[in-house]
Protein backbone atom coordinates (compact mmCIF):
# COMPACT_ATOMS: atom_id res chain seq x y z
CA MET A 1 0.22 0.18 0.06
CA SER A 2 1.10 3.27 -1.04
CA ALA A 3 1.34 5.72 1.84
CA MET A 4 -1.36 7.36 3.64
CA ARG A 5 -3.01 10.47 2.56
CA LEU A 6 -4.42 13.02 4.65
CA VAL A 7 -7.08 15.68 4.00
CA VAL A 8 -8.16 17.72 6.61
CA PHE A 9 -11.23 19.75 6.61
CA ASP A 10 -11.79 23.66 8.43
CA VAL A 11 -14.98 23.47 10.07
CA ASP A 12 -17.12 26.53 9.77
CA GLY A 13 -18.08 27.73 6.57
CA THR A 14 -16.70 24.43 5.37
CA LEU A 15 -18.42 21.85 6.79
CA ILE A 16 -21.12 23.56 8.53
CA ASP A 17 -23.28 26.61 7.83
CA SER A 18 -22.88 28.10 11.21
CA GLN A 19 -22.90 32.00 10.26
CA ASP A 20 -26.40 32.89 11.93
CA VAL A 21 -25.61 31.58 15.08
CA ILE A 22 -21.96 33.66 14.86
CA VAL A 23 -23.56 36.38 14.01
CA SER A 24 -26.07 36.48 16.59
CA ALA A 25 -23.03 35.66 19.22
CA MET A 26 -21.04 38.39 18.12
CA SER A 27 -23.48 40.90 18.13
CA TYR A 28 -24.49 40.10 21.42
CA ALA A 29 -21.24 40.39 22.88
CA PHE A 30 -20.53 43.27 21.77
CA ALA A 31 -23.78 45.05 22.89
CA GLN A 32 -23.13 43.53 26.27
CA VAL A 33 -20.06 46.06 27.04
CA GLY A 34 -21.44 48.78 24.94
CA ARG A 35 -20.35 48.52 21.56
CA SER A 36 -21.88 49.13 18.42
CA ALA A 37 -21.51 45.60 16.63
CA PRO A 38 -19.51 44.89 13.29
CA SER A 39 -21.46 44.29 10.04
CA ARG A 40 -22.27 40.55 9.20
CA PRO A 41 -19.34 41.13 6.41
CA GLN A 42 -17.12 41.85 9.35
CA ILE A 43 -18.30 38.91 11.55
CA LEU A 44 -18.07 36.47 8.92
CA ASP A 45 -14.73 37.81 7.65
CA ILE A 46 -12.50 36.89 10.69
CA VAL A 47 -14.55 33.25 10.95
CA GLY A 48 -11.61 30.26 11.33
CA LEU A 49 -9.62 32.77 13.42
CA SER A 50 -9.46 32.01 17.10
CA LEU A 51 -12.19 33.37 19.34
CA ARG A 52 -9.45 36.23 21.21
CA GLU A 53 -8.08 36.89 18.03
CA ALA A 54 -10.96 37.45 16.21
CA VAL A 55 -12.34 39.53 18.36
CA SER A 56 -9.18 41.48 18.69
CA ARG A 57 -9.32 42.17 14.97
CA LEU A 58 -13.12 43.53 15.34
CA ALA A 59 -12.47 45.79 18.51
CA PRO A 60 -8.40 47.07 17.51
CA ASP A 61 -8.73 49.83 20.11
CA ALA A 62 -10.02 47.56 22.76
CA PRO A 63 -7.67 46.85 25.61
CA ASP A 64 -7.39 43.17 27.17
CA GLU A 65 -9.61 43.46 29.60
CA GLU A 66 -12.39 44.74 27.30
CA VAL A 67 -11.10 42.27 24.63
CA GLY A 68 -11.57 39.30 27.35
CA ALA A 69 -15.24 40.63 28.22
CA LEU A 70 -15.87 40.37 24.69
CA VAL A 71 -14.56 37.05 24.16
CA ALA A 72 -16.53 35.73 27.76
CA ARG A 73 -19.32 37.37 26.19
CA TYR A 74 -19.41 35.79 22.70
CA GLN A 75 -18.63 32.16 24.61
CA GLN A 76 -22.15 32.84 26.58
CA GLY A 77 -24.16 34.20 23.87
CA PHE A 78 -23.13 31.63 21.38
CA VAL A 79 -23.69 28.73 24.17
CA SER A 80 -27.23 29.78 25.56
CA ARG A 81 -28.22 29.76 21.27
CA ARG A 82 -26.85 26.57 21.06
CA HIS A 83 -29.22 25.31 23.43
CA ASP A 84 -31.69 27.36 22.30
CA GLY A 85 -32.42 25.68 19.28
CA ALA A 86 -31.75 22.37 17.55
CA GLY A 87 -27.96 22.38 16.77
CA LYS A 88 -28.83 20.76 13.48
CA ALA A 89 -30.68 23.73 12.51
CA LEU A 90 -28.06 26.13 13.72
CA ALA A 91 -25.47 25.01 12.04
CA PRO A 92 -26.37 22.21 9.31
CA LEU A 93 -23.74 20.59 7.43
CA TYR A 94 -23.50 22.10 3.81
CA ASP A 95 -25.02 19.67 1.03
CA GLY A 96 -22.92 16.97 0.23
CA ALA A 97 -20.62 17.16 3.16
CA LEU A 98 -21.54 13.31 5.09
CA GLU A 99 -21.45 12.11 1.89
CA ALA A 100 -18.08 13.30 0.88
CA LEU A 101 -16.25 12.52 4.49
CA GLU A 102 -18.01 9.06 3.61
CA ARG A 103 -16.25 8.19 0.62
CA ALA A 104 -13.07 9.50 2.03
CA TRP A 105 -13.51 7.64 5.03
CA TRP A 106 -13.81 4.15 3.18
CA SER A 107 -10.60 4.68 0.77
CA GLU A 108 -7.98 2.55 2.15
CA ASP A 109 -5.21 5.01 1.44
CA THR A 110 -7.05 8.44 3.17
CA LEU A 111 -6.93 9.86 6.92
CA LEU A 112 -9.39 12.44 7.21
CA GLY A 113 -8.52 15.46 9.92
CA VAL A 114 -9.93 18.61 11.12
CA ALA A 115 -8.27 21.88 11.66
CA THR A 116 -11.03 24.53 12.80
CA GLY A 117 -10.80 28.06 14.76
CA LYS A 118 -13.20 26.39 17.64
CA ALA A 119 -12.12 25.34 20.99
CA ARG A 120 -12.49 21.31 21.72
CA ARG A 121 -15.84 21.88 23.69
CA GLY A 122 -16.93 23.41 20.56
CA LEU A 123 -16.05 20.85 18.33
CA GLU A 124 -17.28 18.18 20.20
CA HIS A 125 -20.66 20.08 19.87
CA VAL A 126 -20.24 19.63 16.30
CA PHE A 127 -19.35 15.67 16.53
CA GLN A 128 -22.20 14.85 18.77
CA THR A 129 -24.57 17.03 16.80
CA HIS A 130 -23.90 15.49 13.13
CA GLY A 131 -22.48 12.52 14.23
CA ILE A 132 -19.44 12.94 12.42
CA GLY A 133 -16.36 12.55 14.91
CA GLY A 134 -15.71 8.68 13.98
CA TYR A 135 -14.43 9.94 10.94
CA PHE A 136 -11.74 11.92 12.22
CA ALA A 137 -7.88 10.51 12.63
CA THR A 138 -7.52 13.92 13.84
CA ALA A 139 -8.67 16.82 15.11
CA GLN A 140 -7.13 19.76 16.47
CA THR A 141 -8.67 22.92 18.00
CA ALA A 142 -7.66 26.74 18.72
CA ASP A 143 -7.33 26.55 22.23
CA LEU A 144 -4.53 23.91 21.85
CA HIS A 145 -2.52 25.73 18.92
CA PRO A 146 -1.76 29.93 17.85
CA SER A 147 -4.93 30.49 15.53
CA LYS A 148 -4.59 30.25 11.86
CA PRO A 149 -2.87 30.88 9.17
CA HIS A 150 -0.10 29.18 12.15
CA PRO A 151 0.88 26.21 10.19
CA SER A 152 0.81 24.55 14.28
CA MET A 153 -2.66 22.03 14.29
CA LEU A 154 -1.25 21.00 10.72
CA ARG A 155 1.55 20.20 11.68
CA GLN A 156 0.55 18.03 15.11
CA ALA A 157 -1.74 16.92 12.35
CA LEU A 158 0.87 14.94 10.48
CA GLN A 159 2.63 14.48 13.96
CA GLU A 160 -0.52 12.80 15.02
CA THR A 161 -0.97 10.38 11.90
CA GLY A 162 2.20 9.39 10.67
CA CYS A 163 1.45 11.23 7.30
CA ASP A 164 3.84 13.17 5.45
CA ALA A 165 2.84 16.97 4.31
CA THR A 166 3.76 16.01 0.77
CA ARG A 167 0.87 13.57 0.80
CA ALA A 168 -1.63 16.56 2.45
CA VAL A 169 -4.55 18.73 1.48
CA MET A 170 -6.11 21.65 3.90
CA VAL A 171 -9.79 22.36 2.81
CA GLY A 172 -10.98 25.60 3.53
CA ASP A 173 -13.10 28.05 3.46
CA THR A 174 -10.95 31.20 4.57
CA THR A 175 -7.76 32.21 3.49
CA TYR A 176 -6.50 31.86 6.80
CA ASP A 177 -6.96 28.07 5.87
CA ILE A 178 -5.21 28.65 2.49
CA GLU A 179 -2.23 30.28 4.02
CA MET A 180 -2.11 27.47 7.20
CA GLY A 181 -2.14 24.76 4.52
CA ARG A 182 0.24 26.84 2.44
CA SER A 183 2.75 27.15 5.72
CA ALA A 184 2.89 23.24 6.99
CA GLY A 185 3.55 22.63 3.48
CA PHE A 186 -0.04 21.26 2.41
CA ARG A 187 -1.76 21.33 -0.70
CA THR A 188 -5.16 23.38 -0.52
CA ILE A 189 -8.31 23.45 -1.91
CA GLY A 190 -11.11 26.48 -1.53
CA VAL A 191 -14.64 25.75 -0.88
CA ALA A 192 -17.08 28.17 -2.54
CA TRP A 193 -20.07 28.23 -0.56
CA GLY A 194 -18.03 29.58 2.83
CA TYR A 195 -17.31 32.78 4.16
CA HIS A 196 -14.58 34.44 2.04
CA ALA A 197 -14.59 34.48 -1.77
CA THR A 198 -13.23 32.74 -4.22
CA ASP A 199 -10.52 35.19 -6.05
CA ARG A 200 -9.08 36.01 -2.49
CA LEU A 201 -8.69 32.37 -1.71
CA ARG A 202 -7.23 32.19 -5.15
CA SER A 203 -5.55 35.54 -4.00
CA ALA A 204 -4.17 32.96 -0.97
CA GLY A 205 -2.57 30.32 -3.15
CA ALA A 206 -5.30 27.60 -3.43
CA ASP A 207 -3.98 25.08 -5.83
CA ARG A 208 -8.06 24.00 -6.29
CA ILE A 209 -11.46 25.80 -5.74
CA VAL A 210 -14.25 23.43 -5.72
CA GLU A 211 -17.53 24.67 -6.46
CA ASP A 212 -19.75 21.81 -4.17
CA PHE A 213 -18.59 18.49 -2.48
CA ALA A 214 -19.91 16.35 -5.57
CA ALA A 215 -16.14 17.96 -7.03
CA LEU A 216 -14.02 17.62 -3.94
CA ASP A 217 -12.99 13.92 -5.00
CA ALA A 218 -11.77 14.79 -8.16
CA ALA A 219 -9.96 17.97 -7.07
CA ILE A 220 -7.67 15.86 -4.48
CA ALA A 221 -7.13 13.42 -7.10
CA ALA A 222 -6.06 16.17 -9.28
CA LEU A 223 -3.35 17.46 -6.94
CA GLY A 224 -1.46 14.15 -7.61
CA ILE A 225 -0.59 13.52 -3.84
């Protein structure tokens, strides 16, 4: 058998459509500290970063204490919204995501991973809600690593799986995913249904762009990894 291939997915904006709950929770956080909420596009632009990094970008003039308050209020608002409604309805899997994971999981030479700006608790909730945790051989979260686009999460994924970067691909919807992948020596695939425009993904260096999950297998094969 040839060396194992590693396919790592981002979560928010790639596997699940969580934009509504993210925007709502961030708007709540800003209101709680007496600030005007950023616009929806501004909030979606920072999805994928670690929470503290994201808040710091949205409120660059905020002192450390206020950044901490915004982080806490966001977490409070996010958990409250998650508990108020059905998880699958608040942040559903994108069409074709589950089928793509199943196809890759059944491939004898492919391992799957996750690298997300979520904290471990948030990722575990996604796994439980959608029943997808068993597909992944490695799962890296922002509370244990520097924020994207630092390559730490992907380097750890390689270490845990024993795969080589020359046989690895990062799949994501933001420039942070593409930049992280390139920094780690991965090939990169941008998805067109997420939170950053495809022209930005191409400018960041994405090797391929896919319009839907049905096109993912061919895009990975075209990379020759």
